[in-house]
Protein backbone atom coordinates (compact mmCIF):
# COMPACT_ATOMS: atom_id res chain seq x y z
CA MET A 1 -5.85 16.11 -111.83
CA GLN A 2 -5.48 12.65 -110.33
CA ALA A 3 -8.87 10.35 -109.61
CA ARG A 4 -8.22 10.06 -106.12
CA SER A 5 -7.59 13.47 -105.45
CA ALA A 6 -11.18 14.41 -107.59
CA LEU A 7 -13.20 11.96 -105.92
CA PHE A 8 -12.45 13.88 -102.01
CA ASP A 9 -12.99 16.85 -104.19
CA LEU A 10 -16.25 15.69 -105.38
CA TYR A 11 -17.71 14.40 -102.24
CA GLY A 12 -16.51 17.94 -100.29
CA ASP A 13 -17.68 19.94 -102.24
CA HIS A 14 -21.11 18.22 -103.68
CA LEU A 15 -22.11 14.98 -102.19
CA ARG A 16 -21.27 15.64 -98.38
CA ALA A 17 -24.21 17.76 -98.41
CA ARG A 18 -26.48 15.13 -100.24
CA GLY A 19 -26.02 12.37 -97.97
CA GLY A 20 -22.34 11.31 -98.97
CA ARG A 21 -23.75 8.84 -100.85
CA ALA A 22 -23.51 8.56 -104.89
CA PRO A 23 -24.38 5.32 -107.32
CA VAL A 24 -20.98 4.48 -109.36
CA ALA A 25 -22.95 5.42 -112.17
CA ALA A 26 -23.44 9.30 -111.64
CA LEU A 27 -19.43 9.05 -109.73
CA VAL A 28 -18.30 8.10 -113.64
CA LYS A 29 -21.00 10.66 -115.42
CA LEU A 30 -19.54 13.61 -112.80
CA LEU A 31 -15.52 13.17 -113.05
CA ALA A 32 -16.27 13.04 -117.30
CA PRO A 33 -15.84 16.23 -117.91
CA LEU A 34 -12.55 16.52 -116.27
CA GLY A 35 -11.29 14.04 -118.16
CA ILE A 36 -11.07 11.22 -116.32
CA ALA A 37 -12.21 7.85 -117.69
CA PRO A 38 -14.39 5.22 -115.90
CA PRO A 39 -11.58 2.72 -115.28
CA ALA A 40 -9.69 5.32 -113.37
CA VAL A 41 -12.76 5.91 -111.03
CA ARG A 42 -13.17 3.17 -110.50
CA THR A 43 -9.84 2.38 -109.59
CA ALA A 44 -9.61 5.28 -107.22
CA VAL A 45 -12.85 4.22 -104.98
CA SER A 46 -11.28 0.62 -104.67
CA ARG A 47 -7.85 1.97 -103.22
CA MET A 48 -10.41 4.61 -101.16
CA VAL A 49 -12.36 1.31 -99.28
CA ARG A 50 -8.95 0.22 -98.63
CA GLN A 51 -8.06 3.27 -96.88
CA GLY A 52 -11.43 3.59 -94.92
CA TRP A 53 -12.64 6.63 -96.44
CA LEU A 54 -15.42 4.90 -98.39
CA GLU A 55 -17.79 2.41 -97.87
CA PRO A 56 -19.78 0.37 -100.31
CA LEU A 57 -23.35 0.04 -100.16
CA ARG A 58 -26.48 -0.96 -102.38
CA LEU A 59 -28.74 1.60 -103.60
CA SER A 60 -31.91 0.95 -105.27
CA SER A 61 -30.25 1.55 -108.66
CA GLY A 62 -27.29 -0.55 -107.73
CA PRO A 63 -24.01 -0.36 -106.39
CA GLY A 64 -22.76 2.96 -104.67
CA TYR A 65 -19.88 4.42 -102.02
CA SER A 66 -20.51 6.07 -98.92
CA ILE A 67 -18.49 8.66 -96.80
CA THR A 68 -17.21 6.67 -94.17
CA PRO A 69 -16.65 8.79 -90.50
CA LYS A 70 -13.12 9.48 -90.80
CA ALA A 71 -13.90 10.92 -94.19
CA GLY A 72 -16.48 12.96 -93.25
CA ARG A 73 -14.11 14.80 -90.62
CA ARG A 74 -11.91 15.22 -93.15
CA LEU A 75 -14.17 16.83 -95.61
CA ASP A 76 -15.69 18.80 -92.75
CA GLU A 77 -12.45 19.91 -92.02
CA ALA A 78 -11.69 20.83 -95.32
CA ALA A 79 -14.58 23.42 -95.93
CA SER A 80 -14.18 25.12 -93.45
CA ARG A 81 -10.71 26.11 -94.65
CA ILE A 82 -11.54 25.95 -98.19
CA TYR A 83 -14.41 28.29 -97.82
CA ARG A 84 -12.55 30.01 -95.18
CA THR A 85 -15.82 29.44 -92.74
CA GLY A 86 -13.66 29.08 -89.53
CA ARG A 87 -12.34 32.22 -88.35
CA HIS A 88 -9.04 31.68 -85.81
CA SER A 89 -8.51 33.83 -82.93
CA TRP A 90 -4.73 33.22 -81.69
CA ASP A 91 -4.04 33.11 -77.83
CA GLY A 92 -0.22 33.86 -78.35
CA ARG A 93 0.52 29.54 -77.46
CA PHE A 94 1.89 26.43 -80.55
CA ASP A 95 1.19 23.56 -80.17
CA LEU A 96 4.46 21.33 -80.74
CA LEU A 97 5.23 17.76 -81.43
CA VAL A 98 8.16 16.29 -81.08
CA LEU A 99 8.33 12.76 -82.86
CA THR A 100 9.86 9.52 -83.41
CA SER A 101 9.94 9.47 -87.16
CA PRO A 102 8.74 6.77 -88.90
CA ALA A 103 11.35 4.37 -90.35
CA SER A 104 10.07 4.21 -93.70
CA ARG A 105 10.34 6.83 -96.17
CA ARG A 106 6.87 6.51 -97.55
CA ASP A 107 5.71 6.50 -94.06
CA ARG A 108 7.41 9.85 -93.56
CA GLN A 109 6.14 11.24 -96.59
CA ARG A 110 2.64 9.95 -95.75
CA LEU A 111 2.98 11.38 -92.24
CA ALA A 112 3.97 15.06 -93.13
CA ALA A 113 1.47 15.13 -95.67
CA ASN A 114 -1.15 14.62 -93.17
CA LEU A 115 0.75 17.44 -90.52
CA THR A 116 1.09 19.83 -93.34
CA PHE A 117 -3.01 19.42 -94.30
CA LEU A 118 -3.37 19.84 -89.95
CA GLY A 119 -1.60 23.18 -90.37
CA TYR A 120 1.31 21.98 -89.01
CA GLY A 121 5.20 23.26 -90.03
CA THR A 122 8.46 21.77 -89.17
CA LEU A 123 11.08 23.27 -87.46
CA ASP A 124 13.35 20.41 -88.02
CA ASP A 125 13.16 17.06 -89.14
CA CYS A 126 11.27 16.00 -85.51
CA THR A 127 9.51 19.05 -84.58
CA TRP A 128 6.41 20.14 -85.67
CA VAL A 129 4.43 23.32 -84.86
CA ALA A 130 1.29 24.79 -85.29
CA THR A 131 -1.05 27.85 -84.20
CA ARG A 132 -3.71 25.58 -83.27
CA PRO A 133 -4.41 22.43 -82.35
CA GLY A 134 -4.96 19.40 -84.69
CA GLU A 135 -8.28 18.16 -84.23
CA ASP A 136 -7.46 14.72 -84.76
CA VAL A 137 -3.67 14.59 -84.83
CA ASP A 138 -3.76 12.44 -81.86
CA LEU A 139 -5.45 9.55 -83.96
CA LEU A 140 -3.00 10.45 -86.74
CA LEU A 141 -0.22 10.23 -84.99
CA ALA A 142 -1.71 6.69 -83.34
CA GLU A 143 -2.70 4.77 -86.00
CA ALA A 144 0.57 5.82 -87.55
CA GLY A 145 1.97 3.99 -84.94
CA VAL A 146 4.24 7.07 -83.69
CA ARG A 147 5.94 8.11 -80.85
CA TYR A 148 5.54 11.20 -79.78
CA GLU A 149 5.84 14.19 -77.05
CA ARG A 150 3.32 17.27 -77.44
CA PHE A 151 3.26 20.64 -75.80
CA THR A 152 1.79 23.96 -75.54
CA ALA A 153 4.26 26.60 -75.71
CA ALA A 154 4.19 30.49 -75.72
CA HIS A 155 7.44 32.73 -77.18
CA ALA A 156 9.32 34.21 -74.43
CA ALA A 157 9.42 37.11 -77.04
CA GLY A 158 6.08 37.75 -77.45
CA THR A 159 4.47 38.23 -81.01
CA PRO A 160 7.97 38.98 -82.55
CA GLY A 161 9.70 35.42 -81.18
CA ALA A 162 6.69 33.90 -82.71
CA MET A 163 6.99 35.50 -86.46
CA GLY A 164 10.27 33.80 -86.14
CA VAL A 165 9.17 30.56 -85.50
CA VAL A 166 6.24 31.12 -88.27
CA ARG A 167 9.06 32.52 -90.74
CA ARG A 168 11.48 29.10 -89.98
CA ALA A 169 8.86 26.99 -89.68
CA TRP A 170 7.13 28.24 -93.99
CA ASP A 171 7.87 29.90 -95.91
CA LEU A 172 5.77 32.14 -96.61
CA ALA A 173 6.88 34.01 -98.91
CA GLU A 174 6.59 31.19 -102.00
CA ILE A 175 3.27 30.36 -100.52
CA GLY A 176 2.34 34.27 -101.56
CA ARG A 177 4.11 33.64 -104.55
CA ALA A 178 1.31 30.43 -105.36
CA TYR A 179 -1.48 32.81 -104.37
CA GLN A 180 -0.64 34.91 -107.34
CA ARG A 181 0.37 32.71 -109.46
CA PHE A 182 -3.48 30.61 -108.92
CA VAL A 183 -4.87 33.91 -109.53
CA ALA A 184 -2.68 34.51 -112.97
CA GLU A 185 -3.84 31.15 -113.95
CA GLN A 186 -7.24 30.72 -113.26
CA LYS A 187 -8.61 34.47 -114.27
CA PRO A 188 -8.63 34.09 -118.09
CA LEU A 189 -9.91 30.40 -117.38
CA LEU A 190 -13.58 32.10 -115.68
CA HIS A 191 -13.51 34.57 -117.32
CA GLY A 192 -14.50 32.33 -120.35
CA VAL A 193 -17.06 30.92 -118.71
CA THR A 194 -20.55 33.41 -118.78
CA VAL A 195 -24.39 33.35 -118.89
CA ARG A 196 -23.96 31.53 -122.14
CA SER A 197 -21.88 28.40 -120.75
CA ASN A 198 -24.04 25.30 -120.16
CA ASP A 199 -24.43 24.03 -116.92
CA GLU A 200 -21.72 21.07 -117.94
CA GLU A 201 -18.93 23.95 -118.76
CA ALA A 202 -20.09 26.11 -115.34
CA TYR A 203 -19.87 22.58 -113.10
CA ALA A 204 -16.49 21.62 -114.61
CA ALA A 205 -14.64 24.92 -114.31
CA ARG A 206 -16.14 25.90 -110.66
CA PHE A 207 -14.62 21.79 -109.97
CA ARG A 208 -11.20 22.80 -111.70
CA LEU A 209 -11.27 26.24 -109.36
CA VAL A 210 -11.94 23.97 -106.24
CA HIS A 211 -9.62 21.79 -106.72
CA ALA A 212 -6.40 24.46 -107.35
CA TRP A 213 -8.07 26.08 -104.68
CA ARG A 214 -7.81 22.93 -102.15
CA THR A 215 -4.02 22.21 -102.97
CA PHE A 216 -3.51 25.75 -100.08
CA LEU A 217 -4.65 22.94 -97.44
CA PHE A 218 -1.14 21.81 -98.26
CA ARG A 219 0.72 24.78 -98.08
CA ASP A 220 -0.89 27.10 -95.96
CA PRO A 221 -1.55 26.71 -92.31
CA GLN A 222 -3.75 30.12 -92.56
CA LEU A 223 -2.07 31.67 -89.96
CA PRO A 224 -3.80 34.08 -87.26
CA PRO A 225 -3.27 37.81 -89.16
CA ALA A 226 -1.18 39.43 -86.43
CA LEU A 227 1.65 36.67 -88.40
CA LEU A 228 0.88 37.00 -91.61
CA PRO A 229 2.89 39.54 -93.51
CA GLU A 230 1.55 43.05 -94.40
CA ARG A 231 -0.38 43.04 -97.77
CA TRP A 232 -0.77 39.07 -97.71
CA PRO A 233 -1.51 37.91 -101.31
CA GLY A 234 -3.78 34.75 -99.73
CA THR A 235 -6.63 38.23 -99.14
CA ASN A 236 -7.03 39.07 -102.40
CA ALA A 237 -6.72 35.24 -103.59
CA ALA A 238 -9.41 33.89 -101.19
CA ALA A 239 -11.96 37.19 -102.51
CA PHE A 240 -11.11 36.06 -105.90
CA PHE A 241 -11.73 32.26 -105.57
CA ASP A 242 -14.95 33.12 -103.05
CA ARG A 243 -16.31 35.75 -105.97
CA HIS A 244 -16.35 32.90 -108.76
CA ALA A 245 -16.96 30.09 -106.89
CA THR A 246 -20.11 31.46 -105.73
CA ARG A 247 -21.23 32.92 -109.58
CA LEU A 248 -20.84 29.42 -110.85
CA ARG A 249 -22.45 27.38 -107.91
CA PRO A 250 -25.82 27.14 -109.55
CA ALA A 251 -24.98 26.07 -112.93
CA ALA A 252 -22.93 23.43 -111.03
CA ASP A 253 -25.48 22.81 -108.76
CA ARG A 254 -27.66 21.70 -111.55
CA TYR A 255 -25.13 19.54 -113.50
CA VAL A 256 -24.63 17.44 -109.81
CA GLU A 257 -28.70 17.15 -109.54
CA GLN A 258 -28.80 15.96 -113.37
CA CYS A 259 -26.36 13.31 -113.18
CA LEU A 260 -27.38 12.06 -109.22
CA ASP A 261 -30.67 11.57 -111.03
CA ALA A 262 -29.87 10.06 -113.56
CA GLY A 263 -27.48 7.61 -111.50
CA HIS A 264 -30.28 6.77 -109.29
CA ARG A 265 -33.18 6.23 -112.42
CA LEU A 266 -34.06 2.76 -112.36
CA PRO A 267 -33.03 0.81 -115.33
CA ARG A 268 -36.29 0.12 -117.37
CA GLN A 269 -37.34 -3.54 -118.08
CA LYS A 270 -37.74 -5.11 -121.43
CA GLY A 271 -41.50 -5.21 -122.66
CA ARG A 272 -42.60 -1.64 -120.60
């Protein structure tokens, strides 16, 4: 687990609802159960500041970091997809992007990752398609300095034709297998966390569960049911995730509050 990715999970799943800010000491303490060392946390924080995701602030207990408006929008979008709170109907139309690709390989990879996160798949090197418009896609492309054309398109062959487009843009068979692997890998780990486990153990298990589930934001565009295969493995995987994320939430919340309280506690002065 990389420190930067873990910080996104921490802010999105726990700190966003608590004001989106935390002391450095609390960040270090909250990532320690995941095996992430303090120097890695501080390096990742500095990188996220440079990238515009975090901003430094002074708290009563010392230095801390808060999410930026840009990060808040991204975390809210991620949360709605992680917990499937957004119900997306489909009007039969696609959002179609025709891009002029960036020159450098690194910029192309970064752009591809961001478009995939927003739910777009590729028809070819320059053409991206989604079943709903990405909320921040115009801002994303403008910041990347990418020239593009954007269209709204409906397939002349209706739903059968649309399903053909979907199967060109995404490898649904591989995404389905990834959901099955997710359940198989997480099941033994989660069954080891019981009511006898302490709060830190429950927090760490739940954190790893959410972290593994979050990877599907870059794999699964969460297509409308009309375009999905029958007996879609993602449905069973989502029910599995919801059940265990809910079960472990109270203990995880207690551990987070404990770490935040310790991070906000002022150091005692000598002689008192």
